C-alpha atoms as a PDB file:
ATOM      1  CA  MET A   1     119.992  65.349 -61.374  1.00  0.00           C
ATOM      2  CA  ARG A   2     118.678  65.052 -64.493  1.00  0.00           C
ATOM      3  CA  GLU A   3     118.138  67.832 -67.044  1.00  0.00           C
ATOM      4  CA  GLY A   4     115.323  69.725 -66.774  1.00  0.00           C
ATOM      5  CA  LEU A   5     113.766  68.657 -64.148  1.00  0.00           C
ATOM      6  CA  ILE A   6     114.033  71.902 -61.857  1.00  0.00           C
ATOM      7  CA  PRO A   7     111.959  73.737 -64.685  1.00  0.00           C
ATOM      8  CA  THR A   8     109.231  71.299 -64.797  1.00  0.00           C
ATOM      9  CA  VAL A   9     108.587  71.473 -61.357  1.00  0.00           C
ATOM     10  CA  LEU A  10     109.853  74.981 -60.816  1.00  0.00           C
ATOM     11  CA  GLY A  11     107.016  75.689 -63.538  1.00  0.00           C
ATOM     12  CA  THR A  12     104.249  73.102 -61.857  1.00  0.00           C
ATOM     13  CA  ALA A  13     104.173  75.072 -58.793  1.00  0.00           C
ATOM     14  CA  VAL A  14     103.748  78.139 -60.142  1.00  0.00           C
ATOM     15  CA  ALA A  15     101.061  77.443 -62.458  1.00  0.00           C
ATOM     16  CA  ALA A  16      99.514  76.020 -59.265  1.00  0.00           C
ATOM     17  CA  SER A  17     100.078  79.060 -58.278  1.00  0.00           C
ATOM     18  CA  GLY A  18      98.524  80.806 -60.344  1.00  0.00           C
ATOM     19  CA  ALA A  19      95.957  78.982 -60.396  1.00  0.00           C
ATOM     20  CA  ALA A  20      95.045  79.490 -57.580  1.00  0.00           C
ATOM     21  CA  MET A  21      94.371  83.343 -57.371  1.00  0.00           C
ATOM     22  CA  ARG A  22      92.186  83.249 -60.564  1.00  0.00           C
ATOM     23  CA  ASN A  23      89.163  84.550 -58.161  1.00  0.00           C
ATOM     24  CA  LYS A  24      90.921  87.332 -56.816  1.00  0.00           C
ATOM     25  CA  PHE A  25      93.347  88.416 -59.731  1.00  0.00           C
ATOM     26  CA  PRO A  26      92.290  87.311 -62.751  1.00  0.00           C
ATOM     27  CA  MET A  27      94.698  88.882 -65.099  1.00  0.00           C
ATOM     28  CA  ALA A  28      97.615  88.193 -63.048  1.00  0.00           C
ATOM     29  CA  ALA A  29      96.551  84.636 -62.345  1.00  0.00           C
ATOM     30  CA  ALA A  30      96.471  84.529 -66.070  1.00  0.00           C
ATOM     31  CA  ALA A  31      99.906  86.076 -66.750  1.00  0.00           C
ATOM     32  CA  VAL A  32     101.023  83.464 -63.788  1.00  0.00           C
ATOM     33  CA  PHE A  33      99.583  80.335 -65.053  1.00  0.00           C
ATOM     34  CA  GLY A  34     100.838  80.862 -68.538  1.00  0.00           C
ATOM     35  CA  PHE A  35     104.303  81.404 -67.243  1.00  0.00           C
ATOM     36  CA  GLY A  36     104.058  78.174 -65.179  1.00  0.00           C
ATOM     37  CA  LEU A  37     102.493  76.783 -68.193  1.00  0.00           C
ATOM     38  CA  ALA A  38     105.884  77.186 -70.458  1.00  0.00           C
ATOM     39  CA  HIS A  39     107.939  76.302 -67.625  1.00  0.00           C
ATOM     40  CA  VAL A  40     106.247  72.844 -68.248  1.00  0.00           C
ATOM     41  CA  VAL A  41     106.628  72.437 -71.635  1.00  0.00           C
ATOM     42  CA  LEU A  42     110.229  73.634 -71.723  1.00  0.00           C
ATOM     43  CA  GLY A  43     111.029  71.674 -68.904  1.00  0.00           C
ATOM     44  CA  ALA A  44     109.417  68.455 -70.659  1.00  0.00           C
ATOM     45  CA  ILE A  45     111.223  69.151 -74.109  1.00  0.00           C
ATOM     46  CA  ASP A  46     114.701  69.440 -72.266  1.00  0.00           C
ATOM     47  CA  LEU A  47     113.628  65.785 -70.327  1.00  0.00           C
ATOM     48  CA  VAL A  48     112.597  63.935 -73.378  1.00  0.00           C
ATOM     49  CA  GLU A  49     115.625  65.008 -75.157  1.00  0.00           C
ATOM     50  CA  HIS A  50     118.017  63.989 -72.214  1.00  0.00           C
ATOM     51  CA  ARG A  51     116.556  60.800 -72.525  1.00  0.00           C
ATOM     52  CA  ARG A  52     116.961  60.163 -76.231  1.00  0.00           C
ATOM     53  CA  ARG A  53     120.539  61.708 -75.865  1.00  0.00           C
ATOM     54  CA  THR A  54     121.261  58.848 -73.390  1.00  0.00           C
ATOM     55  CA  GLU A  55     119.514  56.064 -74.830  1.00  0.00           C
END
């Protein structure tokens, strides 16, 4: 499995759940969405770096 894939997928799921609860708990939703988005970005960085090392 490629390095960085798990944080990216997990971050996508967390960001989606944060977006889904934005009407009921706006402050918590913003925190959860930001946490998920950070994981997506960090996982994407790992995916790009891993691609560069293998080429």
